PDB file of N, CA and C in Angstrom:
ATOM      1  N   MET A   1     179.182 114.312 119.407  1.00  0.00           N
ATOM      2  CA  MET A   1     178.104 114.479 118.462  1.00  0.00           C
ATOM      3  C   MET A   1     176.792 114.105 119.143  1.00  0.00           C
ATOM      4  N   ILE A   2     175.749 114.850 118.804  1.00  0.00           N
ATOM      5  CA  ILE A   2     174.405 114.611 119.326  1.00  0.00           C
ATOM      6  C   ILE A   2     173.530 114.185 118.151  1.00  0.00           C
ATOM      7  N   THR A   3     172.895 113.030 118.256  1.00  0.00           N
ATOM      8  CA  THR A   3     172.008 112.551 117.203  1.00  0.00           C
ATOM      9  C   THR A   3     170.625 112.345 117.795  1.00  0.00           C
ATOM     10  N   VAL A   4     169.631 112.934 117.137  1.00  0.00           N
ATOM     11  CA  VAL A   4     168.259 112.849 117.624  1.00  0.00           C
ATOM     12  C   VAL A   4     167.351 112.409 116.487  1.00  0.00           C
ATOM     13  N   LYS A   5     166.434 111.499 116.818  1.00  0.00           N
ATOM     14  CA  LYS A   5     165.429 111.025 115.864  1.00  0.00           C
ATOM     15  C   LYS A   5     164.053 111.376 116.426  1.00  0.00           C
ATOM     16  N   VAL A   6     163.249 112.060 115.619  1.00  0.00           N
ATOM     17  CA  VAL A   6     161.888 112.422 116.016  1.00  0.00           C
ATOM     18  C   VAL A   6     160.927 111.854 114.982  1.00  0.00           C
ATOM     19  N   THR A   7     159.944 111.102 115.443  1.00  0.00           N
ATOM     20  CA  THR A   7     158.939 110.518 114.559  1.00  0.00           C
ATOM     21  C   THR A   7     157.560 110.942 115.049  1.00  0.00           C
ATOM     22  N   TYR A   8     156.704 111.335 114.112  1.00  0.00           N
ATOM     23  CA  TYR A   8     155.350 111.760 114.460  1.00  0.00           C
ATOM     24  C   TYR A   8     154.438 111.501 113.269  1.00  0.00           C
ATOM     25  N   THR A   9     153.136 111.465 113.531  1.00  0.00           N
ATOM     26  CA  THR A   9     152.139 111.263 112.481  1.00  0.00           C
ATOM     27  C   THR A   9     151.150 112.411 112.517  1.00  0.00           C
ATOM     28  N   VAL A  10     150.929 113.007 111.350  1.00  0.00           N
ATOM     29  CA  VAL A  10     149.949 114.086 111.216  1.00  0.00           C
ATOM     30  C   VAL A  10     148.683 113.518 110.583  1.00  0.00           C
ATOM     31  N   LYS A  11     147.601 114.247 110.710  1.00  0.00           N
ATOM     32  CA  LYS A  11     146.358 113.866 110.025  1.00  0.00           C
ATOM     33  C   LYS A  11     146.585 114.023 108.521  1.00  0.00           C
ATOM     34  N   ALA A  12     145.916 113.188 107.748  1.00  0.00           N
ATOM     35  CA  ALA A  12     146.066 113.235 106.289  1.00  0.00           C
ATOM     36  C   ALA A  12     145.766 114.623 105.735  1.00  0.00           C
ATOM     37  N   SER A  13     144.836 115.328 106.341  1.00  0.00           N
ATOM     38  CA  SER A  13     144.455 116.663 105.866  1.00  0.00           C
ATOM     39  C   SER A  13     145.557 117.701 106.083  1.00  0.00           C
ATOM     40  N   PHE A  14     146.553 117.394 106.924  1.00  0.00           N
ATOM     41  CA  PHE A  14     147.639 118.343 107.205  1.00  0.00           C
ATOM     42  C   PHE A  14     148.961 117.934 106.550  1.00  0.00           C
ATOM     43  N   ALA A  15     149.031 116.762 105.967  1.00  0.00           N
ATOM     44  CA  ALA A  15     150.301 116.240 105.449  1.00  0.00           C
ATOM     45  C   ALA A  15     150.937 117.163 104.415  1.00  0.00           C
ATOM     46  N   GLN A  16     150.161 117.686 103.478  1.00  0.00           N
ATOM     47  CA  GLN A  16     150.719 118.563 102.441  1.00  0.00           C
ATOM     48  C   GLN A  16     151.252 119.857 103.054  1.00  0.00           C
ATOM     49  N   GLN A  17     150.521 120.428 104.003  1.00  0.00           N
ATOM     50  CA  GLN A  17     150.994 121.644 104.667  1.00  0.00           C
ATOM     51  C   GLN A  17     152.263 121.360 105.460  1.00  0.00           C
ATOM     52  N   ASN A  18     152.335 120.199 106.075  1.00  0.00           N
ATOM     53  CA  ASN A  18     153.534 119.825 106.825  1.00  0.00           C
ATOM     54  C   ASN A  18     154.747 119.773 105.891  1.00  0.00           C
ATOM     55  N   LEU A  19     154.563 119.195 104.703  1.00  0.00           N
ATOM     56  CA  LEU A  19     155.650 119.145 103.718  1.00  0.00           C
ATOM     57  C   LEU A  19     156.114 120.548 103.343  1.00  0.00           C
ATOM     58  N   GLN A  20     155.184 121.461 103.143  1.00  0.00           N
ATOM     59  CA  GLN A  20     155.537 122.844 102.808  1.00  0.00           C
ATOM     60  C   GLN A  20     156.290 123.505 103.958  1.00  0.00           C
ATOM     61  N   ASN A  21     155.846 123.268 105.184  1.00  0.00           N
ATOM     62  CA  ASN A  21     156.520 123.848 106.346  1.00  0.00           C
ATOM     63  C   ASN A  21     157.934 123.288 106.496  1.00  0.00           C
ATOM     64  N   ILE A  22     158.112 122.011 106.206  1.00  0.00           N
ATOM     65  CA  ILE A  22     159.439 121.395 106.261  1.00  0.00           C
ATOM     66  C   ILE A  22     160.363 122.065 105.245  1.00  0.00           C
ATOM     67  N   GLN A  23     159.862 122.289 104.038  1.00  0.00           N
ATOM     68  CA  GLN A  23     160.685 122.925 103.014  1.00  0.00           C
ATOM     69  C   GLN A  23     161.145 124.317 103.456  1.00  0.00           C
ATOM     70  N   LYS A  24     160.285 125.047 104.157  1.00  0.00           N
ATOM     71  CA  LYS A  24     160.650 126.393 104.625  1.00  0.00           C
ATOM     72  C   LYS A  24     161.825 126.339 105.596  1.00  0.00           C
ATOM     73  N   PHE A  25     161.740 125.481 106.621  1.00  0.00           N
ATOM     74  CA  PHE A  25     162.841 125.475 107.578  1.00  0.00           C
ATOM     75  C   PHE A  25     164.085 124.829 106.993  1.00  0.00           C
ATOM     76  N   MET A  26     163.922 123.873 106.079  1.00  0.00           N
ATOM     77  CA  MET A  26     165.092 123.265 105.456  1.00  0.00           C
ATOM     78  C   MET A  26     165.872 124.282 104.631  1.00  0.00           C
ATOM     79  N   GLU A  27     165.192 125.219 103.994  1.00  0.00           N
ATOM     80  CA  GLU A  27     165.886 126.294 103.266  1.00  0.00           C
ATOM     81  C   GLU A  27     166.784 127.080 104.213  1.00  0.00           C
ATOM     82  N   ASP A  28     166.286 127.373 105.403  1.00  0.00           N
ATOM     83  CA  ASP A  28     167.087 128.093 106.394  1.00  0.00           C
ATOM     84  C   ASP A  28     168.210 127.214 106.941  1.00  0.00           C
ATOM     85  N   PHE A  29     167.914 125.943 107.190  1.00  0.00           N
ATOM     86  CA  PHE A  29     168.928 125.024 107.709  1.00  0.00           C
ATOM     87  C   PHE A  29     170.089 124.879 106.730  1.00  0.00           C
ATOM     88  N   LYS A  30     169.820 124.890 105.437  1.00  0.00           N
ATOM     89  CA  LYS A  30     170.869 124.713 104.432  1.00  0.00           C
ATOM     90  C   LYS A  30     171.883 125.855 104.443  1.00  0.00           C
ATOM     91  N   LYS A  31     171.543 126.964 105.062  1.00  0.00           N
ATOM     92  CA  LYS A  31     172.450 128.107 105.164  1.00  0.00           C
ATOM     93  C   LYS A  31     173.354 128.004 106.393  1.00  0.00           C
ATOM     94  N   MET A  32     173.144 126.993 107.227  1.00  0.00           N
ATOM     95  CA  MET A  32     173.867 126.852 108.484  1.00  0.00           C
ATOM     96  C   MET A  32     174.917 125.746 108.381  1.00  0.00           C
ATOM     97  N   GLU A  33     175.886 125.784 109.276  1.00  0.00           N
ATOM     98  CA  GLU A  33     176.973 124.796 109.313  1.00  0.00           C
ATOM     99  C   GLU A  33     176.951 124.052 110.647  1.00  0.00           C
ATOM    100  N   GLY A  34     177.671 122.930 110.702  1.00  0.00           N
ATOM    101  CA  GLY A  34     177.885 122.229 111.966  1.00  0.00           C
ATOM    102  C   GLY A  34     176.871 121.163 112.311  1.00  0.00           C
ATOM    103  N   PHE A  35     175.995 120.846 111.354  1.00  0.00           N
ATOM    104  CA  PHE A  35     175.014 119.798 111.621  1.00  0.00           C
ATOM    105  C   PHE A  35     174.503 119.238 110.304  1.00  0.00           C
ATOM    106  N   GLN A  36     173.882 118.077 110.394  1.00  0.00           N
ATOM    107  CA  GLN A  36     173.179 117.477 109.264  1.00  0.00           C
ATOM    108  C   GLN A  36     171.751 117.201 109.701  1.00  0.00           C
ATOM    109  N   TYR A  37     170.831 117.357 108.780  1.00  0.00           N
ATOM    110  CA  TYR A  37     169.422 117.187 109.105  1.00  0.00           C
ATOM    111  C   TYR A  37     168.742 116.554 107.907  1.00  0.00           C
ATOM    112  N   ALA A  38     167.982 115.498 108.128  1.00  0.00           N
ATOM    113  CA  ALA A  38     167.249 114.836 107.058  1.00  0.00           C
ATOM    114  C   ALA A  38     165.839 114.528 107.542  1.00  0.00           C
ATOM    115  N   VAL A  39     164.889 114.595 106.620  1.00  0.00           N
ATOM    116  CA  VAL A  39     163.497 114.296 106.931  1.00  0.00           C
ATOM    117  C   VAL A  39     163.018 113.210 105.966  1.00  0.00           C
ATOM    118  N   TYR A  40     162.305 112.240 106.510  1.00  0.00           N
ATOM    119  CA  TYR A  40     161.772 111.122 105.734  1.00  0.00           C
ATOM    120  C   TYR A  40     160.281 111.009 106.005  1.00  0.00           C
ATOM    121  N   THR A  41     159.573 110.409 105.065  1.00  0.00           N
ATOM    122  CA  THR A  41     158.175 110.092 105.288  1.00  0.00           C
ATOM    123  C   THR A  41     157.974 108.601 105.059  1.00  0.00           C
ATOM    124  N   SER A  42     157.052 108.026 105.799  1.00  0.00           N
ATOM    125  CA  SER A  42     156.712 106.610 105.635  1.00  0.00           C
ATOM    126  C   SER A  42     155.780 106.450 104.441  1.00  0.00           C
ATOM    127  N   ASN A  43     155.519 105.218 104.076  1.00  0.00           N
ATOM    128  CA  ASN A  43     154.650 104.942 102.928  1.00  0.00           C
ATOM    129  C   ASN A  43     153.251 105.526 103.078  1.00  0.00           C
ATOM    130  N   ASP A  44     152.789 105.715 104.314  1.00  0.00           N
ATOM    131  CA  ASP A  44     151.449 106.263 104.509  1.00  0.00           C
ATOM    132  C   ASP A  44     151.362 107.746 104.146  1.00  0.00           C
ATOM    133  N   GLY A  45     152.518 108.427 104.024  1.00  0.00           N
ATOM    134  CA  GLY A  45     152.541 109.840 103.675  1.00  0.00           C
ATOM    135  C   GLY A  45     152.198 110.768 104.815  1.00  0.00           C
ATOM    136  N   ASN A  46     151.862 110.213 105.972  1.00  0.00           N
ATOM    137  CA  ASN A  46     151.464 111.016 107.129  1.00  0.00           C
ATOM    138  C   ASN A  46     152.429 110.896 108.299  1.00  0.00           C
ATOM    139  N   THR A  47     153.313 109.912 108.250  1.00  0.00           N
ATOM    140  CA  THR A  47     154.281 109.701 109.319  1.00  0.00           C
ATOM    141  C   THR A  47     155.636 110.217 108.848  1.00  0.00           C
ATOM    142  N   PHE A  48     156.208 111.106 109.649  1.00  0.00           N
ATOM    143  CA  PHE A  48     157.461 111.765 109.308  1.00  0.00           C
ATOM    144  C   PHE A  48     158.533 111.409 110.330  1.00  0.00           C
ATOM    145  N   THR A  49     159.750 111.257 109.862  1.00  0.00           N
ATOM    146  CA  THR A  49     160.888 111.019 110.732  1.00  0.00           C
ATOM    147  C   THR A  49     161.966 112.046 110.410  1.00  0.00           C
ATOM    148  N   HIS A  50     162.414 112.758 111.431  1.00  0.00           N
ATOM    149  CA  HIS A  50     163.488 113.741 111.299  1.00  0.00           C
ATOM    150  C   HIS A  50     164.701 113.169 112.034  1.00  0.00           C
ATOM    151  N   ILE A  51     165.853 113.189 111.385  1.00  0.00           N
ATOM    152  CA  ILE A  51     167.089 112.740 112.024  1.00  0.00           C
ATOM    153  C   ILE A  51     168.102 113.871 111.929  1.00  0.00           C
ATOM    154  N   SER A  52     168.601 114.281 113.088  1.00  0.00           N
ATOM    155  CA  SER A  52     169.567 115.384 113.130  1.00  0.00           C
ATOM    156  C   SER A  52     170.850 114.935 113.816  1.00  0.00           C
ATOM    157  N   HIS A  53     171.952 115.407 113.265  1.00  0.00           N
ATOM    158  CA  HIS A  53     173.279 115.167 113.824  1.00  0.00           C
ATOM    159  C   HIS A  53     173.887 116.534 114.088  1.00  0.00           C
ATOM    160  N   HIS A  54     174.204 116.832 115.342  1.00  0.00           N
ATOM    161  CA  HIS A  54     174.783 118.122 115.726  1.00  0.00           C
ATOM    162  C   HIS A  54     176.187 117.890 116.277  1.00  0.00           C
ATOM    163  N   THR A  55     177.114 118.770 115.911  1.00  0.00           N
ATOM    164  CA  THR A  55     178.481 118.604 116.406  1.00  0.00           C
ATOM    165  C   THR A  55     178.586 118.884 117.897  1.00  0.00           C
ATOM    166  N   ASN A  56     177.705 119.755 118.419  1.00  0.00           N
ATOM    167  CA  ASN A  56     177.735 120.059 119.850  1.00  0.00           C
ATOM    168  C   ASN A  56     176.408 120.690 120.278  1.00  0.00           C
ATOM    169  N   GLU A  57     176.279 120.929 121.572  1.00  0.00           N
ATOM    170  CA  GLU A  57     175.043 121.464 122.129  1.00  0.00           C
ATOM    171  C   GLU A  57     174.735 122.879 121.654  1.00  0.00           C
ATOM    172  N   ASP A  58     175.763 123.691 121.457  1.00  0.00           N
ATOM    173  CA  ASP A  58     175.543 125.062 120.981  1.00  0.00           C
ATOM    174  C   ASP A  58     174.909 125.070 119.595  1.00  0.00           C
ATOM    175  N   ILE A  59     175.407 124.195 118.711  1.00  0.00           N
ATOM    176  CA  ILE A  59     174.825 124.085 117.368  1.00  0.00           C
ATOM    177  C   ILE A  59     173.384 123.600 117.466  1.00  0.00           C
ATOM    178  N   GLN A  60     173.157 122.620 118.316  1.00  0.00           N
ATOM    179  CA  GLN A  60     171.792 122.094 118.479  1.00  0.00           C
ATOM    180  C   GLN A  60     170.848 123.203 118.940  1.00  0.00           C
ATOM    181  N   LYS A  61     171.261 123.993 119.910  1.00  0.00           N
ATOM    182  CA  LYS A  61     170.422 125.093 120.401  1.00  0.00           C
ATOM    183  C   LYS A  61     170.151 126.109 119.308  1.00  0.00           C
ATOM    184  N   ALA A  62     171.167 126.418 118.492  1.00  0.00           N
ATOM    185  CA  ALA A  62     170.989 127.368 117.393  1.00  0.00           C
ATOM    186  C   ALA A  62     169.978 126.845 116.377  1.00  0.00           C
ATOM    187  N   VAL A  63     170.089 125.580 116.049  1.00  0.00           N
ATOM    188  CA  VAL A  63     169.172 124.953 115.089  1.00  0.00           C
ATOM    189  C   VAL A  63     167.738 124.997 115.625  1.00  0.00           C
ATOM    190  N   LEU A  64     167.572 124.632 116.876  1.00  0.00           N
ATOM    191  CA  LEU A  64     166.233 124.565 117.463  1.00  0.00           C
ATOM    192  C   LEU A  64     165.586 125.930 117.650  1.00  0.00           C
ATOM    193  N   SER A  65     166.362 127.008 117.515  1.00  0.00           N
ATOM    194  CA  SER A  65     165.809 128.349 117.696  1.00  0.00           C
ATOM    195  C   SER A  65     165.581 129.095 116.384  1.00  0.00           C
ATOM    196  N   VAL A  66     165.772 128.445 115.243  1.00  0.00           N
ATOM    197  CA  VAL A  66     165.525 129.077 113.940  1.00  0.00           C
ATOM    198  C   VAL A  66     164.018 129.370 113.828  1.00  0.00           C
ATOM    199  N   PRO A  67     163.644 130.632 113.538  1.00  0.00           N
ATOM    200  CA  PRO A  67     162.216 131.000 113.518  1.00  0.00           C
ATOM    201  C   PRO A  67     161.344 130.123 112.624  1.00  0.00           C
ATOM    202  N   SER A  68     161.820 129.755 111.446  1.00  0.00           N
ATOM    203  CA  SER A  68     160.999 128.923 110.560  1.00  0.00           C
ATOM    204  C   SER A  68     160.802 127.521 111.139  1.00  0.00           C
ATOM    205  N   PHE A  69     161.774 127.031 111.907  1.00  0.00           N
ATOM    206  CA  PHE A  69     161.635 125.728 112.547  1.00  0.00           C
ATOM    207  C   PHE A  69     160.645 125.811 113.708  1.00  0.00           C
ATOM    208  N   LEU A  70     160.712 126.891 114.467  1.00  0.00           N
ATOM    209  CA  LEU A  70     159.758 127.090 115.557  1.00  0.00           C
ATOM    210  C   LEU A  70     158.333 127.201 115.021  1.00  0.00           C
ATOM    211  N   ALA A  71     158.156 127.899 113.889  1.00  0.00           N
ATOM    212  CA  ALA A  71     156.830 128.025 113.268  1.00  0.00           C
ATOM    213  C   ALA A  71     156.344 126.655 112.781  1.00  0.00           C
ATOM    214  N   PHE A  72     157.256 125.867 112.196  1.00  0.00           N
ATOM    215  CA  PHE A  72     156.914 124.509 111.764  1.00  0.00           C
ATOM    216  C   PHE A  72     156.397 123.696 112.950  1.00  0.00           C
ATOM    217  N   GLN A  73     157.132 123.701 114.069  1.00  0.00           N
ATOM    218  CA  GLN A  73     156.735 122.920 115.242  1.00  0.00           C
ATOM    219  C   GLN A  73     155.375 123.361 115.770  1.00  0.00           C
ATOM    220  N   GLN A  74     155.180 124.670 115.823  1.00  0.00           N
ATOM    221  CA  GLN A  74     153.923 125.206 116.341  1.00  0.00           C
ATOM    222  C   GLN A  74     152.740 124.761 115.478  1.00  0.00           C
ATOM    223  N   GLN A  75     152.888 124.891 114.166  1.00  0.00           N
ATOM    224  CA  GLN A  75     151.801 124.501 113.268  1.00  0.00           C
ATOM    225  C   GLN A  75     151.570 122.988 113.301  1.00  0.00           C
ATOM    226  N   ARG A  76     152.666 122.228 113.342  1.00  0.00           N
ATOM    227  CA  ARG A  76     152.551 120.763 113.403  1.00  0.00           C
ATOM    228  C   ARG A  76     151.774 120.354 114.655  1.00  0.00           C
ATOM    229  N   ASP A  77     152.161 120.899 115.795  1.00  0.00           N
ATOM    230  CA  ASP A  77     151.522 120.511 117.053  1.00  0.00           C
ATOM    231  C   ASP A  77     150.066 120.972 117.121  1.00  0.00           C
ATOM    232  N   ALA A  78     149.779 122.141 116.539  1.00  0.00           N
ATOM    233  CA  ALA A  78     148.410 122.671 116.554  1.00  0.00           C
ATOM    234  C   ALA A  78     147.496 121.932 115.576  1.00  0.00           C
ATOM    235  N   SER A  79     148.077 121.168 114.649  1.00  0.00           N
ATOM    236  CA  SER A  79     147.280 120.482 113.630  1.00  0.00           C
ATOM    237  C   SER A  79     146.504 119.295 114.186  1.00  0.00           C
ATOM    238  N   GLY A  80     146.826 118.884 115.397  1.00  0.00           N
ATOM    239  CA  GLY A  80     146.166 117.714 115.981  1.00  0.00           C
ATOM    240  C   GLY A  80     146.881 116.434 115.613  1.00  0.00           C
ATOM    241  N   LEU A  81     148.087 116.288 116.112  1.00  0.00           N
ATOM    242  CA  LEU A  81     148.890 115.101 115.821  1.00  0.00           C
ATOM    243  C   LEU A  81     148.183 113.828 116.264  1.00  0.00           C
ATOM    244  N   ILE A  82     148.499 112.755 115.567  1.00  0.00           N
ATOM    245  CA  ILE A  82     147.993 111.438 115.953  1.00  0.00           C
ATOM    246  C   ILE A  82     149.040 110.854 116.900  1.00  0.00           C
ATOM    247  N   GLY A  83     148.860 111.096 118.179  1.00  0.00           N
ATOM    248  CA  GLY A  83     149.839 110.687 119.189  1.00  0.00           C
ATOM    249  C   GLY A  83     150.934 111.730 119.346  1.00  0.00           C
ATOM    250  N   ALA A  84     151.655 111.625 120.426  1.00  0.00           N
ATOM    251  CA  ALA A  84     152.753 112.560 120.705  1.00  0.00           C
ATOM    252  C   ALA A  84     153.980 112.186 119.869  1.00  0.00           C
ATOM    253  N   PRO A  85     154.798 113.181 119.499  1.00  0.00           N
ATOM    254  CA  PRO A  85     156.040 112.867 118.784  1.00  0.00           C
ATOM    255  C   PRO A  85     156.925 111.947 119.640  1.00  0.00           C
ATOM    256  N   GLN A  86     157.558 110.995 118.988  1.00  0.00           N
ATOM    257  CA  GLN A  86     158.490 110.084 119.661  1.00  0.00           C
ATOM    258  C   GLN A  86     159.896 110.639 119.454  1.00  0.00           C
ATOM    259  N   ILE A  87     160.570 110.976 120.545  1.00  0.00           N
ATOM    260  CA  ILE A  87     161.905 111.575 120.473  1.00  0.00           C
ATOM    261  C   ILE A  87     162.907 110.594 121.056  1.00  0.00           C
ATOM    262  N   GLU A  88     163.940 110.306 120.272  1.00  0.00           N
ATOM    263  CA  GLU A  88     164.990 109.385 120.711  1.00  0.00           C
ATOM    264  C   GLU A  88     166.343 110.042 120.512  1.00  0.00           C
ATOM    265  N   VAL A  89     167.187 109.968 121.520  1.00  0.00           N
ATOM    266  CA  VAL A  89     168.586 110.368 121.382  1.00  0.00           C
ATOM    267  C   VAL A  89     169.356 109.092 121.068  1.00  0.00           C
ATOM    268  N   LEU A  90     170.070 109.103 119.946  1.00  0.00           N
ATOM    269  CA  LEU A  90     170.755 107.901 119.474  1.00  0.00           C
ATOM    270  C   LEU A  90     172.248 107.979 119.753  1.00  0.00           C
ATOM    271  N   LYS A  91     172.851 106.836 119.971  1.00  0.00           N
ATOM    272  CA  LYS A  91     174.292 106.749 120.179  1.00  0.00           C
ATOM    273  C   LYS A  91     174.910 106.105 118.941  1.00  0.00           C
ATOM    274  N   SER A  92     175.863 106.791 118.331  1.00  0.00           N
ATOM    275  CA  SER A  92     176.508 106.285 117.124  1.00  0.00           C
ATOM    276  C   SER A  92     177.433 105.118 117.454  1.00  0.00           C
ATOM    277  N   ILE A  93     177.336 104.073 116.659  1.00  0.00           N
ATOM    278  CA  ILE A  93     178.207 102.913 116.793  1.00  0.00           C
ATOM    279  C   ILE A  93     179.294 102.962 115.729  1.00  0.00           C
ATOM    280  N   ASP A  94     178.890 103.135 114.472  1.00  0.00           N
ATOM    281  CA  ASP A  94     179.839 103.161 113.353  1.00  0.00           C
ATOM    282  C   ASP A  94     179.137 103.701 112.128  1.00  0.00           C
ATOM    283  N   SER A  95     179.926 104.110 111.152  1.00  0.00           N
ATOM    284  CA  SER A  95     179.396 104.624 109.904  1.00  0.00           C
ATOM    285  C   SER A  95     180.380 104.341 108.789  1.00  0.00           C
ATOM    286  N   VAL A  96     179.876 104.054 107.611  1.00  0.00           N
ATOM    287  CA  VAL A  96     180.750 103.814 106.464  1.00  0.00           C
ATOM    288  C   VAL A  96     181.531 105.075 106.120  1.00  0.00           C
ATOM    289  N   ARG A  97     180.859 106.210 106.234  1.00  0.00           N
ATOM    290  CA  ARG A  97     181.467 107.522 105.988  1.00  0.00           C
ATOM    291  C   ARG A  97     181.197 108.415 107.193  1.00  0.00           C
ATOM    292  N   PRO A  98     182.051 109.397 107.408  1.00  0.00           N
ATOM    293  CA  PRO A  98     181.813 110.309 108.535  1.00  0.00           C
ATOM    294  C   PRO A  98     180.481 111.026 108.379  1.00  0.00           C
ATOM    295  N   VAL A  99     179.722 111.097 109.452  1.00  0.00           N
ATOM    296  CA  VAL A  99     178.466 111.821 109.432  1.00  0.00           C
ATOM    297  C   VAL A  99     178.740 113.312 109.475  1.00  0.00           C
ATOM    298  N   LEU A 100     179.658 113.710 110.321  1.00  0.00           N
ATOM    299  CA  LEU A 100     180.072 115.122 110.394  1.00  0.00           C
ATOM    300  C   LEU A 100     181.566 115.203 110.391  1.00  0.00           C
TER     301      LEU A 100
END
């Protein structure tokens, strides 16, 4: 399993558009199998955290190539992020319930 956490902060003026863009790609993601994906926002409303769990590299590549997700990334990056996205690959230790 591959688990990735991405955290980034957008300008307040772009936060609402970012939420709309997330909803677009999440609609497409919900039609796919073999992974779990969740998005969170911090109390400031401008900092977002995406956590993805992929069963394998092929699934991860398929997810990362979804057109609505690519459009989301492009618009997010062009909006003038506050700092670069922080990307972490996580190693699972244990879970109360199976993640995948």
